[in-house]
Structure formats: structure tokens, C-alpha cells
Amino acid sequence: MKLEVNQLAAERGGRAVFSDVSFAVEAGTLLRVTGANGAGKTTLLRILSGLGAPVSGSVRWQNNDGAQLTTGEAACFVGHANAFNESLSVSDNLAYAGALAGLEPNAEQIVTALDAFGVKALRNRSFGALSQGQRKRSSLARMLLSSDRGSRAWLLDEPFVALDVDTQALLARLISAELAAGALVIYTSHQAVEITAPVVRELSL
């Protein structure tokens, strides 16, 4: 997998957020996006995931054979906000998130994803009844709905927030495993968490 970003510019509320952002990353790369509050870190991830549109510039995802991918085929985005329906069960939320990503996970895949984050027992609970940490872990489980490891980029906005130390370490291991399987991972974080990666880069906005 490869991502090419060329001369990207973005605005928020009619005000320029960033401009002339260009970079290229390939399979196995861990890219940390840094910058002051308001620098556009979340905006960049949303554009890369197809949830936002740039003012100018281009984003191109490719598979290992050089064929162009749609954003939905290429990336899984987990934002700082959990973006789950509080009235639905955890399982129903994950099924819906998977369907939006074109995955349509079955019940076994959903349980396996939740189990990886230690929240399998909460699968039938309404999302609104969970603690902040439980919500975060349940939301992160959407990254594991694909049965083909390393096939999609992970775009993670402050993924370690609201997680205890043990769960932070677990997430770091899952990210490392995904990178080893050939994925790209692009993330923002104010917390220093050790992640093993074939290639580590930083982009400052």
C-alpha cells in the first residue's frame, strides 16, 4: 500500500489551516502527525479518510500493484470522538461501522475484534451505558473488523486518550502487528507510547 499527498491545503471556517502539505508513505510506515492545537492534525486525517475535502491538492491511495484505491477501500479512520450511536448496542454499532467501510463483518468477526480489546462481554450493552474507557476500546475495535491483516491503513486521531496504561500498551502492540503485516498507520498523539515499526516518520504541521 502507498499513500501520496500532493500540495494539500485546507480551511476551517473560512480560515486557512495548512497549505502545501506533501508527503509519500509506503507499507510498514508509522507516521506521527504533530503540531500545536489548531494546526490541522485532525483536519488532515479527516481529508485522508475521505470525511473532509481539501481546498486544493490531491490524495492518492494505491495498492501494492500500483492500482488506485478508493479511500473506503484503503483506510480505516478512528477519530477522537467515538462516533457511535449511544442507543445501539456495541455489536450493532460495529456492524454498522463495518458496513459503512464495505466490510459487512459477521458476528464472529465482531466478537473477535471486541475480545482483542477486552470488551467482548459488553457486546450486547448499549453504547451509551459504557464508561469512557469502554467506549474508546469498543470504538477502536472497528480497526480489526477486516479479516485481511495489513490490507487497510489505520488513521488514528489521539487513539491513546481515555485508555489505561495496559490498554495503551495493548493498542501499541496491535499497531505494531498491523505495520508488520504491511499496513500504513498515521496517527496523532500527545502521549509518548512506544510502537515498533519498520519505518517511523514524523510530519509537523
N, C-alpha and C. Protein backbone atom coordinates (compact mmCIF):
# COMPACT_ATOMS: atom_id res chain seq x y z
N MET A 1 0.84 -1.19 0.00
CA MET A 1 0.00 0.00 0.00
C MET A 1 0.87 1.24 0.00
N LYS A 2 0.40 2.28 -0.66
CA LYS A 2 1.14 3.53 -0.72
C LYS A 2 0.16 4.70 -0.70
N LEU A 3 0.56 5.76 -0.02
CA LEU A 3 -0.22 7.00 0.03
C LEU A 3 0.64 8.13 -0.49
N GLU A 4 0.09 8.88 -1.44
CA GLU A 4 0.78 10.06 -1.95
C GLU A 4 -0.11 11.29 -1.74
N VAL A 5 0.43 12.27 -1.05
CA VAL A 5 -0.28 13.53 -0.78
C VAL A 5 0.50 14.65 -1.45
N ASN A 6 -0.19 15.44 -2.26
CA ASN A 6 0.50 16.45 -3.05
C ASN A 6 -0.12 17.83 -2.85
N GLN A 7 0.64 18.73 -2.27
CA GLN A 7 0.28 20.15 -2.13
C GLN A 7 -1.12 20.35 -1.54
N LEU A 8 -1.37 19.68 -0.45
CA LEU A 8 -2.69 19.72 0.18
C LEU A 8 -2.85 21.03 0.97
N ALA A 9 -4.02 21.64 0.84
CA ALA A 9 -4.36 22.83 1.61
C ALA A 9 -5.77 22.66 2.16
N ALA A 10 -5.99 23.21 3.35
CA ALA A 10 -7.30 23.07 3.99
C ALA A 10 -7.69 24.35 4.69
N GLU A 11 -9.00 24.56 4.80
CA GLU A 11 -9.55 25.70 5.53
C GLU A 11 -10.56 25.19 6.55
N ARG A 12 -10.76 25.98 7.59
CA ARG A 12 -11.80 25.69 8.57
C ARG A 12 -12.47 27.00 8.93
N GLY A 13 -13.77 27.09 8.66
CA GLY A 13 -14.49 28.32 8.92
C GLY A 13 -13.99 29.49 8.10
N GLY A 14 -13.54 29.19 6.88
CA GLY A 14 -13.04 30.24 6.01
C GLY A 14 -11.62 30.69 6.30
N ARG A 15 -10.98 30.05 7.28
CA ARG A 15 -9.61 30.41 7.64
C ARG A 15 -8.65 29.30 7.23
N ALA A 16 -7.53 29.66 6.66
CA ALA A 16 -6.54 28.67 6.25
C ALA A 16 -6.01 27.93 7.47
N VAL A 17 -5.98 26.60 7.36
CA VAL A 17 -5.46 25.77 8.45
C VAL A 17 -4.04 25.33 8.14
N PHE A 18 -3.83 24.78 6.95
CA PHE A 18 -2.49 24.46 6.49
C PHE A 18 -2.47 24.53 4.97
N SER A 19 -1.28 24.57 4.40
CA SER A 19 -1.15 24.63 2.94
C SER A 19 0.14 23.94 2.52
N ASP A 20 0.17 23.53 1.25
CA ASP A 20 1.35 22.94 0.64
C ASP A 20 1.91 21.77 1.43
N VAL A 21 1.03 20.88 1.88
CA VAL A 21 1.46 19.67 2.59
C VAL A 21 1.63 18.55 1.57
N SER A 22 2.84 18.04 1.46
CA SER A 22 3.14 16.96 0.52
C SER A 22 3.99 15.90 1.21
N PHE A 23 3.63 14.64 1.01
CA PHE A 23 4.45 13.55 1.52
C PHE A 23 4.00 12.25 0.86
N ALA A 24 4.85 11.25 0.94
CA ALA A 24 4.51 9.92 0.42
C ALA A 24 4.98 8.89 1.45
N VAL A 25 4.12 7.93 1.75
CA VAL A 25 4.46 6.87 2.70
C VAL A 25 4.05 5.53 2.11
N GLU A 26 4.80 4.50 2.47
CA GLU A 26 4.55 3.16 1.94
C GLU A 26 4.27 2.17 3.05
N ALA A 27 4.00 0.94 2.66
CA ALA A 27 3.65 -0.13 3.59
C ALA A 27 4.69 -0.24 4.71
N GLY A 28 4.20 -0.45 5.92
CA GLY A 28 5.08 -0.62 7.06
C GLY A 28 5.48 0.68 7.74
N THR A 29 4.97 1.81 7.26
CA THR A 29 5.37 3.10 7.81
C THR A 29 4.41 3.56 8.91
N LEU A 30 5.00 4.00 10.01
CA LEU A 30 4.27 4.64 11.10
C LEU A 30 4.55 6.13 11.01
N LEU A 31 3.52 6.91 10.71
CA LEU A 31 3.67 8.36 10.55
C LEU A 31 2.93 9.06 11.67
N ARG A 32 3.67 9.77 12.49
CA ARG A 32 3.06 10.55 13.58
C ARG A 32 2.92 11.99 13.11
N VAL A 33 1.71 12.52 13.18
CA VAL A 33 1.44 13.90 12.79
C VAL A 33 1.44 14.76 14.05
N THR A 34 2.30 15.77 14.05
CA THR A 34 2.44 16.63 15.22
C THR A 34 2.12 18.08 14.85
N GLY A 35 1.95 18.88 15.87
CA GLY A 35 1.67 20.30 15.66
C GLY A 35 0.88 20.87 16.82
N ALA A 36 0.87 22.17 16.93
CA ALA A 36 0.13 22.82 18.01
C ALA A 36 -1.37 22.62 17.84
N ASN A 37 -2.12 22.85 18.90
CA ASN A 37 -3.57 22.80 18.81
C ASN A 37 -4.05 23.77 17.74
N GLY A 38 -4.91 23.31 16.85
CA GLY A 38 -5.40 24.14 15.77
C GLY A 38 -4.55 24.11 14.52
N ALA A 39 -3.48 23.30 14.54
CA ALA A 39 -2.59 23.24 13.37
C ALA A 39 -3.19 22.46 12.21
N GLY A 40 -4.24 21.67 12.50
CA GLY A 40 -4.90 20.94 11.43
C GLY A 40 -4.66 19.45 11.42
N LYS A 41 -4.22 18.89 12.53
CA LYS A 41 -3.92 17.45 12.58
C LYS A 41 -5.17 16.62 12.31
N THR A 42 -6.24 16.92 13.02
CA THR A 42 -7.49 16.19 12.81
C THR A 42 -8.04 16.45 11.41
N THR A 43 -7.96 17.69 10.96
CA THR A 43 -8.42 18.03 9.60
C THR A 43 -7.69 17.21 8.55
N LEU A 44 -6.38 17.06 8.72
CA LEU A 44 -5.61 16.26 7.76
C LEU A 44 -6.08 14.81 7.75
N LEU A 45 -6.26 14.22 8.91
CA LEU A 45 -6.70 12.82 8.96
C LEU A 45 -8.08 12.66 8.34
N ARG A 46 -8.95 13.61 8.58
CA ARG A 46 -10.30 13.53 8.00
C ARG A 46 -10.24 13.63 6.47
N ILE A 47 -9.35 14.45 5.95
CA ILE A 47 -9.19 14.53 4.49
C ILE A 47 -8.64 13.21 3.95
N LEU A 48 -7.63 12.66 4.62
CA LEU A 48 -7.05 11.40 4.17
C LEU A 48 -8.06 10.26 4.19
N SER A 49 -9.03 10.34 5.12
CA SER A 49 -10.03 9.29 5.24
C SER A 49 -11.23 9.52 4.34
N GLY A 50 -11.29 10.68 3.67
CA GLY A 50 -12.42 10.98 2.81
C GLY A 50 -13.58 11.64 3.51
N LEU A 51 -13.43 11.94 4.81
CA LEU A 51 -14.51 12.58 5.57
C LEU A 51 -14.47 14.10 5.45
N GLY A 52 -13.41 14.61 4.89
CA GLY A 52 -13.28 16.05 4.66
C GLY A 52 -12.72 16.28 3.27
N ALA A 53 -12.84 17.50 2.80
CA ALA A 53 -12.35 17.83 1.46
C ALA A 53 -11.31 18.95 1.57
N PRO A 54 -10.22 18.84 0.82
CA PRO A 54 -9.23 19.91 0.83
C PRO A 54 -9.67 21.08 -0.04
N VAL A 55 -9.06 22.24 0.20
CA VAL A 55 -9.26 23.39 -0.68
C VAL A 55 -8.55 23.14 -2.00
N SER A 56 -7.39 22.54 -1.92
CA SER A 56 -6.63 22.20 -3.12
C SER A 56 -5.67 21.05 -2.78
N GLY A 57 -5.10 20.48 -3.82
CA GLY A 57 -4.18 19.37 -3.63
C GLY A 57 -4.86 18.03 -3.87
N SER A 58 -4.10 16.97 -3.72
CA SER A 58 -4.63 15.64 -4.04
C SER A 58 -4.16 14.60 -3.04
N VAL A 59 -4.99 13.57 -2.88
CA VAL A 59 -4.68 12.41 -2.05
C VAL A 59 -4.87 11.18 -2.91
N ARG A 60 -3.84 10.34 -3.00
CA ARG A 60 -3.95 9.14 -3.82
C ARG A 60 -3.48 7.92 -3.05
N TRP A 61 -4.39 6.95 -2.94
CA TRP A 61 -4.09 5.66 -2.32
C TRP A 61 -3.85 4.63 -3.42
N GLN A 62 -2.85 3.78 -3.23
CA GLN A 62 -2.57 2.72 -4.19
C GLN A 62 -2.31 1.40 -3.46
N ASN A 63 -2.66 0.30 -4.11
CA ASN A 63 -2.29 -0.99 -3.54
C ASN A 63 -0.86 -1.34 -3.95
N ASN A 64 -0.41 -2.52 -3.56
CA ASN A 64 0.98 -2.90 -3.82
C ASN A 64 1.27 -3.08 -5.31
N ASP A 65 0.23 -3.26 -6.11
CA ASP A 65 0.41 -3.41 -7.56
C ASP A 65 0.34 -2.08 -8.29
N GLY A 66 0.13 -1.00 -7.55
CA GLY A 66 0.06 0.32 -8.16
C GLY A 66 -1.33 0.74 -8.59
N ALA A 67 -2.31 -0.13 -8.37
CA ALA A 67 -3.69 0.22 -8.75
C ALA A 67 -4.27 1.21 -7.73
N GLN A 68 -5.02 2.18 -8.24
CA GLN A 68 -5.58 3.19 -7.36
C GLN A 68 -6.73 2.61 -6.54
N LEU A 69 -6.80 3.02 -5.26
CA LEU A 69 -7.85 2.57 -4.35
C LEU A 69 -8.74 3.75 -3.97
N THR A 70 -10.01 3.47 -3.73
CA THR A 70 -10.86 4.49 -3.14
C THR A 70 -10.47 4.63 -1.68
N THR A 71 -10.82 5.75 -1.08
CA THR A 71 -10.50 5.94 0.33
C THR A 71 -11.15 4.87 1.19
N GLY A 72 -12.38 4.50 0.87
CA GLY A 72 -13.07 3.46 1.62
C GLY A 72 -12.37 2.12 1.55
N GLU A 73 -11.77 1.81 0.42
CA GLU A 73 -11.03 0.57 0.27
C GLU A 73 -9.69 0.61 0.99
N ALA A 74 -9.14 1.82 1.13
CA ALA A 74 -7.77 1.94 1.60
C ALA A 74 -7.62 2.15 3.09
N ALA A 75 -8.56 2.85 3.72
CA ALA A 75 -8.30 3.33 5.07
C ALA A 75 -9.43 3.10 6.05
N CYS A 76 -9.04 2.96 7.32
CA CYS A 76 -9.98 2.89 8.44
C CYS A 76 -9.66 4.06 9.37
N PHE A 77 -10.64 4.92 9.61
CA PHE A 77 -10.44 6.10 10.44
C PHE A 77 -11.13 5.93 11.79
N VAL A 78 -10.39 6.21 12.86
CA VAL A 78 -10.99 6.26 14.19
C VAL A 78 -10.65 7.63 14.77
N GLY A 79 -11.67 8.46 14.92
CA GLY A 79 -11.45 9.82 15.37
C GLY A 79 -11.39 9.94 16.88
N HIS A 80 -11.09 11.16 17.32
CA HIS A 80 -11.05 11.44 18.76
C HIS A 80 -12.43 11.23 19.37
N ALA A 81 -13.47 11.61 18.64
CA ALA A 81 -14.84 11.30 19.07
C ALA A 81 -15.16 9.87 18.64
N ASN A 82 -15.92 9.14 19.46
CA ASN A 82 -16.16 7.72 19.18
C ASN A 82 -17.07 7.49 17.98
N ALA A 83 -17.97 8.43 17.71
CA ALA A 83 -18.85 8.37 16.54
C ALA A 83 -19.72 7.11 16.51
N PHE A 84 -20.17 6.68 17.69
CA PHE A 84 -21.11 5.56 17.79
C PHE A 84 -22.45 6.07 18.29
N ASN A 85 -23.50 5.36 17.92
CA ASN A 85 -24.85 5.70 18.36
C ASN A 85 -25.05 5.17 19.79
N GLU A 86 -25.34 6.07 20.72
CA GLU A 86 -25.43 5.67 22.12
C GLU A 86 -26.61 4.75 22.41
N SER A 87 -27.63 4.77 21.58
CA SER A 87 -28.80 3.94 21.84
C SER A 87 -28.66 2.52 21.29
N LEU A 88 -27.68 2.30 20.44
CA LEU A 88 -27.46 0.97 19.87
C LEU A 88 -26.48 0.16 20.71
N SER A 89 -26.54 -1.15 20.57
CA SER A 89 -25.58 -1.99 21.26
C SER A 89 -24.19 -1.82 20.64
N VAL A 90 -23.18 -2.25 21.38
CA VAL A 90 -21.81 -2.19 20.87
C VAL A 90 -21.70 -2.99 19.58
N SER A 91 -22.28 -4.20 19.56
CA SER A 91 -22.21 -5.05 18.36
C SER A 91 -22.90 -4.40 17.17
N ASP A 92 -24.06 -3.82 17.41
CA ASP A 92 -24.79 -3.18 16.31
C ASP A 92 -24.01 -1.98 15.77
N ASN A 93 -23.37 -1.24 16.66
CA ASN A 93 -22.55 -0.11 16.22
C ASN A 93 -21.39 -0.59 15.35
N LEU A 94 -20.74 -1.67 15.76
CA LEU A 94 -19.61 -2.18 14.98
C LEU A 94 -20.07 -2.75 13.65
N ALA A 95 -21.22 -3.41 13.65
CA ALA A 95 -21.75 -3.94 12.39
C ALA A 95 -22.03 -2.80 11.42
N TYR A 96 -22.59 -1.71 11.93
CA TYR A 96 -22.90 -0.55 11.09
C TYR A 96 -21.61 0.11 10.59
N ALA A 97 -20.63 0.26 11.48
CA ALA A 97 -19.35 0.86 11.09
C ALA A 97 -18.66 0.01 10.02
N GLY A 98 -18.74 -1.31 10.19
CA GLY A 98 -18.15 -2.19 9.21
C GLY A 98 -18.84 -2.11 7.86
N ALA A 99 -20.17 -2.02 7.89
CA ALA A 99 -20.93 -1.91 6.63
C ALA A 99 -20.58 -0.61 5.91
N LEU A 100 -20.42 0.49 6.65
CA LEU A 100 -20.05 1.75 6.04
C LEU A 100 -18.68 1.66 5.37
N ALA A 101 -17.81 0.81 5.93
CA ALA A 101 -16.48 0.63 5.38
C ALA A 101 -16.44 -0.43 4.28
N GLY A 102 -17.61 -0.99 3.96
CA GLY A 102 -17.66 -2.01 2.91
C GLY A 102 -17.21 -3.38 3.35
N LEU A 103 -17.20 -3.64 4.67
CA LEU A 103 -16.68 -4.92 5.17
C LEU A 103 -17.78 -5.92 5.50
N GLU A 104 -18.91 -5.43 6.03
CA GLU A 104 -20.03 -6.30 6.43
C GLU A 104 -19.55 -7.47 7.29
N PRO A 105 -18.98 -7.17 8.46
CA PRO A 105 -18.46 -8.23 9.33
C PRO A 105 -19.57 -9.11 9.89
N ASN A 106 -19.26 -10.39 10.09
CA ASN A 106 -20.23 -11.29 10.72
C ASN A 106 -20.08 -11.22 12.23
N ALA A 107 -20.96 -11.92 12.93
CA ALA A 107 -20.98 -11.85 14.40
C ALA A 107 -19.66 -12.34 15.00
N GLU A 108 -19.08 -13.36 14.40
CA GLU A 108 -17.82 -13.90 14.92
C GLU A 108 -16.68 -12.87 14.80
N GLN A 109 -16.64 -12.18 13.68
CA GLN A 109 -15.60 -11.16 13.50
C GLN A 109 -15.76 -10.02 14.49
N ILE A 110 -17.00 -9.65 14.77
CA ILE A 110 -17.25 -8.57 15.73
C ILE A 110 -16.81 -8.99 17.13
N VAL A 111 -17.15 -10.21 17.52
CA VAL A 111 -16.76 -10.71 18.84
C VAL A 111 -15.23 -10.79 18.95
N THR A 112 -14.58 -11.26 17.89
CA THR A 112 -13.12 -11.36 17.91
C THR A 112 -12.47 -10.00 18.05
N ALA A 113 -13.00 -9.00 17.34
CA ALA A 113 -12.46 -7.65 17.42
C ALA A 113 -12.62 -7.07 18.82
N LEU A 114 -13.80 -7.27 19.41
CA LEU A 114 -14.04 -6.77 20.76
C LEU A 114 -13.18 -7.50 21.78
N ASP A 115 -13.00 -8.80 21.58
CA ASP A 115 -12.20 -9.59 22.50
C ASP A 115 -10.75 -9.11 22.53
N ALA A 116 -10.25 -8.66 21.39
CA ALA A 116 -8.87 -8.16 21.32
C ALA A 116 -8.66 -6.97 22.24
N PHE A 117 -9.73 -6.20 22.49
CA PHE A 117 -9.64 -5.04 23.37
C PHE A 117 -10.26 -5.31 24.74
N GLY A 118 -10.57 -6.56 25.02
CA GLY A 118 -11.05 -6.93 26.34
C GLY A 118 -12.46 -6.48 26.66
N VAL A 119 -13.28 -6.25 25.64
CA VAL A 119 -14.65 -5.77 25.88
C VAL A 119 -15.69 -6.68 25.23
N LYS A 120 -15.35 -7.93 25.02
CA LYS A 120 -16.30 -8.87 24.41
C LYS A 120 -17.58 -8.99 25.23
N ALA A 121 -17.45 -8.95 26.54
CA ALA A 121 -18.62 -9.12 27.41
C ALA A 121 -19.60 -7.96 27.30
N LEU A 122 -19.17 -6.87 26.68
CA LEU A 122 -20.03 -5.69 26.57
C LEU A 122 -20.77 -5.62 25.24
N ARG A 123 -20.66 -6.66 24.43
CA ARG A 123 -21.15 -6.57 23.06
C ARG A 123 -22.64 -6.30 22.96
N ASN A 124 -23.43 -6.72 23.94
CA ASN A 124 -24.87 -6.51 23.88
C ASN A 124 -25.33 -5.32 24.73
N ARG A 125 -24.40 -4.63 25.34
CA ARG A 125 -24.72 -3.44 26.12
C ARG A 125 -24.91 -2.25 25.19
N SER A 126 -25.78 -1.32 25.59
CA SER A 126 -25.92 -0.10 24.79
C SER A 126 -24.66 0.73 24.96
N PHE A 127 -24.25 1.35 23.88
CA PHE A 127 -23.00 2.11 23.89
C PHE A 127 -23.07 3.25 24.92
N GLY A 128 -24.23 3.84 25.07
CA GLY A 128 -24.39 4.95 25.99
C GLY A 128 -24.21 4.57 27.46
N ALA A 129 -24.28 3.27 27.77
CA ALA A 129 -24.14 2.83 29.16
C ALA A 129 -22.69 2.54 29.55
N LEU A 130 -21.76 2.71 28.61
CA LEU A 130 -20.36 2.37 28.87
C LEU A 130 -19.59 3.53 29.48
N SER A 131 -18.50 3.20 30.17
CA SER A 131 -17.58 4.22 30.66
C SER A 131 -16.78 4.78 29.50
N GLN A 132 -16.05 5.85 29.73
CA GLN A 132 -15.26 6.46 28.67
C GLN A 132 -14.21 5.48 28.14
N GLY A 133 -13.56 4.77 29.03
CA GLY A 133 -12.55 3.80 28.59
C GLY A 133 -13.16 2.67 27.79
N GLN A 134 -14.32 2.18 28.23
CA GLN A 134 -15.01 1.11 27.50
C GLN A 134 -15.46 1.59 26.13
N ARG A 135 -15.92 2.83 26.07
CA ARG A 135 -16.34 3.39 24.78
C ARG A 135 -15.15 3.46 23.82
N LYS A 136 -14.02 3.91 24.34
CA LYS A 136 -12.84 4.05 23.50
C LYS A 136 -12.39 2.69 22.96
N ARG A 137 -12.33 1.70 23.83
CA ARG A 137 -11.90 0.36 23.38
C ARG A 137 -12.89 -0.24 22.39
N SER A 138 -14.16 -0.05 22.63
CA SER A 138 -15.17 -0.58 21.70
C SER A 138 -15.06 0.11 20.34
N SER A 139 -14.83 1.41 20.35
CA SER A 139 -14.69 2.16 19.10
C SER A 139 -13.44 1.72 18.33
N LEU A 140 -12.34 1.53 19.04
CA LEU A 140 -11.09 1.10 18.39
C LEU A 140 -11.22 -0.28 17.76
N ALA A 141 -12.14 -1.10 18.27
CA ALA A 141 -12.30 -2.46 17.74
C ALA A 141 -12.67 -2.47 16.26
N ARG A 142 -13.21 -1.35 15.74
CA ARG A 142 -13.58 -1.31 14.33
C ARG A 142 -12.36 -1.52 13.42
N MET A 143 -11.17 -1.21 13.93
CA MET A 143 -9.96 -1.38 13.13
C MET A 143 -9.68 -2.85 12.81
N LEU A 144 -10.24 -3.74 13.62
CA LEU A 144 -9.93 -5.17 13.50
C LEU A 144 -11.03 -5.96 12.80
N LEU A 145 -11.97 -5.28 12.18
CA LEU A 145 -13.09 -5.97 11.54
C LEU A 145 -12.71 -6.63 10.22
N SER A 146 -11.64 -6.16 9.60
CA SER A 146 -11.20 -6.79 8.36
C SER A 146 -10.45 -8.08 8.68
N SER A 147 -10.75 -9.14 7.96
CA SER A 147 -10.08 -10.42 8.19
C SER A 147 -8.72 -10.47 7.51
N ASP A 148 -8.42 -9.47 6.69
CA ASP A 148 -7.16 -9.43 5.94
C ASP A 148 -6.23 -8.42 6.60
N ARG A 149 -5.38 -8.91 7.50
CA ARG A 149 -4.48 -8.04 8.24
C ARG A 149 -3.55 -7.29 7.31
N GLY A 150 -3.35 -6.03 7.60
CA GLY A 150 -2.43 -5.20 6.83
C GLY A 150 -2.99 -4.67 5.53
N SER A 151 -4.27 -4.93 5.27
CA SER A 151 -4.84 -4.55 3.98
C SER A 151 -5.33 -3.12 3.94
N ARG A 152 -5.52 -2.50 5.10
CA ARG A 152 -6.02 -1.13 5.15
C ARG A 152 -5.13 -0.27 6.03
N ALA A 153 -5.02 0.99 5.66
CA ALA A 153 -4.30 1.94 6.51
C ALA A 153 -5.16 2.26 7.73
N TRP A 154 -4.51 2.49 8.85
CA TRP A 154 -5.20 2.95 10.05
C TRP A 154 -4.91 4.43 10.22
N LEU A 155 -5.95 5.24 10.31
CA LEU A 155 -5.83 6.67 10.54
C LEU A 155 -6.43 6.95 11.91
N LEU A 156 -5.59 7.29 12.87
CA LEU A 156 -5.99 7.32 14.27
C LEU A 156 -5.75 8.70 14.88
N ASP A 157 -6.83 9.32 15.34
CA ASP A 157 -6.75 10.64 15.95
C ASP A 157 -6.78 10.50 17.47
N GLU A 158 -5.64 10.75 18.11
CA GLU A 158 -5.49 10.62 19.56
C GLU A 158 -6.03 9.28 20.07
N PRO A 159 -5.49 8.18 19.55
CA PRO A 159 -6.04 6.86 19.91
C PRO A 159 -5.77 6.44 21.35
N PHE A 160 -4.79 7.05 22.01
CA PHE A 160 -4.42 6.60 23.36
C PHE A 160 -5.15 7.35 24.47
N VAL A 161 -5.93 8.37 24.09
CA VAL A 161 -6.70 9.13 25.08
C VAL A 161 -7.78 8.24 25.69
N ALA A 162 -7.99 8.36 27.01
CA ALA A 162 -9.02 7.64 27.77
C ALA A 162 -8.72 6.15 27.92
N LEU A 163 -7.48 5.75 27.64
CA LEU A 163 -7.08 4.36 27.82
C LEU A 163 -6.12 4.26 29.00
N ASP A 164 -6.27 3.19 29.80
CA ASP A 164 -5.32 2.98 30.88
C ASP A 164 -3.98 2.51 30.30
N VAL A 165 -2.98 2.44 31.14
CA VAL A 165 -1.62 2.12 30.68
C VAL A 165 -1.57 0.76 30.00
N ASP A 166 -2.25 -0.23 30.57
CA ASP A 166 -2.23 -1.58 29.98
C ASP A 166 -2.87 -1.59 28.60
N THR A 167 -3.98 -0.86 28.45
CA THR A 167 -4.65 -0.83 27.15
C THR A 167 -3.86 -0.02 26.14
N GLN A 168 -3.16 1.00 26.59
CA GLN A 168 -2.27 1.73 25.70
C GLN A 168 -1.19 0.79 25.14
N ALA A 169 -0.64 -0.03 26.01
CA ALA A 169 0.39 -0.98 25.58
C ALA A 169 -0.20 -2.00 24.61
N LEU A 170 -1.42 -2.46 24.89
CA LEU A 170 -2.10 -3.40 24.00
C LEU A 170 -2.30 -2.78 22.63
N LEU A 171 -2.79 -1.54 22.59
CA LEU A 171 -3.01 -0.87 21.31
C LEU A 171 -1.68 -0.70 20.56
N ALA A 172 -0.63 -0.37 21.27
CA ALA A 172 0.68 -0.22 20.63
C ALA A 172 1.11 -1.54 19.98
N ARG A 173 0.84 -2.65 20.66
CA ARG A 173 1.20 -3.96 20.09
C ARG A 173 0.35 -4.27 18.86
N LEU A 174 -0.93 -3.93 18.90
CA LEU A 174 -1.79 -4.17 17.75
C LEU A 174 -1.35 -3.33 16.55
N ILE A 175 -0.97 -2.08 16.81
CA ILE A 175 -0.47 -1.23 15.73
C ILE A 175 0.82 -1.81 15.15
N SER A 176 1.71 -2.25 16.02
CA SER A 176 2.97 -2.84 15.56
C SER A 176 2.72 -4.07 14.70
N ALA A 177 1.77 -4.91 15.11
CA ALA A 177 1.46 -6.12 14.34
C ALA A 177 0.87 -5.76 12.97
N GLU A 178 0.04 -4.73 12.94
CA GLU A 178 -0.57 -4.32 11.68
C GLU A 178 0.49 -3.77 10.73
N LEU A 179 1.43 -3.02 11.26
CA LEU A 179 2.53 -2.50 10.45
C LEU A 179 3.39 -3.64 9.90
N ALA A 180 3.64 -4.62 10.73
CA ALA A 180 4.44 -5.77 10.30
C ALA A 180 3.74 -6.54 9.19
N ALA A 181 2.39 -6.46 9.18
CA ALA A 181 1.61 -7.16 8.16
C ALA A 181 1.51 -6.36 6.87
N GLY A 182 2.09 -5.15 6.85
CA GLY A 182 2.13 -4.37 5.62
C GLY A 182 1.22 -3.17 5.56
N ALA A 183 0.63 -2.80 6.69
CA ALA A 183 -0.27 -1.65 6.70
C ALA A 183 0.51 -0.34 6.80
N LEU A 184 -0.20 0.75 6.63
CA LEU A 184 0.27 2.08 6.98
C LEU A 184 -0.51 2.51 8.22
N VAL A 185 0.14 3.21 9.12
CA VAL A 185 -0.57 3.78 10.27
C VAL A 185 -0.15 5.24 10.39
N ILE A 186 -1.15 6.12 10.36
CA ILE A 186 -0.93 7.55 10.53
C ILE A 186 -1.74 7.98 11.74
N TYR A 187 -1.07 8.62 12.70
CA TYR A 187 -1.77 8.93 13.94
C TYR A 187 -1.32 10.26 14.53
N THR A 188 -2.18 10.81 15.37
CA THR A 188 -1.83 11.97 16.18
C THR A 188 -1.83 11.53 17.63
N SER A 189 -0.95 12.10 18.43
CA SER A 189 -0.94 11.76 19.85
C SER A 189 -0.08 12.75 20.61
N HIS A 190 -0.58 13.15 21.76
CA HIS A 190 0.20 13.97 22.68
C HIS A 190 0.92 13.11 23.70
N GLN A 191 0.71 11.79 23.61
CA GLN A 191 1.32 10.88 24.57
C GLN A 191 2.44 10.09 23.89
N ALA A 192 3.51 9.89 24.63
CA ALA A 192 4.65 9.13 24.11
C ALA A 192 4.42 7.65 24.41
N VAL A 193 4.12 6.87 23.38
CA VAL A 193 3.89 5.44 23.51
C VAL A 193 4.82 4.73 22.54
N GLU A 194 5.52 3.71 23.03
CA GLU A 194 6.49 3.02 22.19
C GLU A 194 5.78 2.06 21.23
N ILE A 195 6.02 2.25 19.94
CA ILE A 195 5.43 1.42 18.90
C ILE A 195 6.56 0.93 18.00
N THR A 196 6.59 -0.36 17.76
CA THR A 196 7.61 -0.95 16.88
C THR A 196 7.12 -0.87 15.44
N ALA A 197 7.96 -0.35 14.55
CA ALA A 197 7.58 -0.19 13.15
C ALA A 197 8.80 -0.34 12.25
N PRO A 198 8.63 -0.90 11.06
CA PRO A 198 9.74 -0.98 10.10
C PRO A 198 10.28 0.40 9.75
N VAL A 199 9.37 1.38 9.60
CA VAL A 199 9.75 2.75 9.25
C VAL A 199 8.96 3.70 10.14
N VAL A 200 9.65 4.64 10.76
CA VAL A 200 8.99 5.63 11.62
C VAL A 200 9.30 7.01 11.06
N ARG A 201 8.23 7.79 10.84
CA ARG A 201 8.39 9.15 10.33
C ARG A 201 7.52 10.11 11.13
N GLU A 202 7.82 11.40 11.01
CA GLU A 202 7.03 12.42 11.68
C GLU A 202 6.73 13.55 10.69
N LEU A 203 5.49 14.02 10.74
CA LEU A 203 5.07 15.14 9.93
C LEU A 203 4.60 16.25 10.85
N SER A 204 5.25 17.40 10.79
CA SER A 204 4.89 18.52 11.62
C SER A 204 4.08 19.54 10.83
N LEU A 205 2.91 19.89 11.34
CA LEU A 205 2.04 20.87 10.68
C LEU A 205 2.22 22.25 11.33
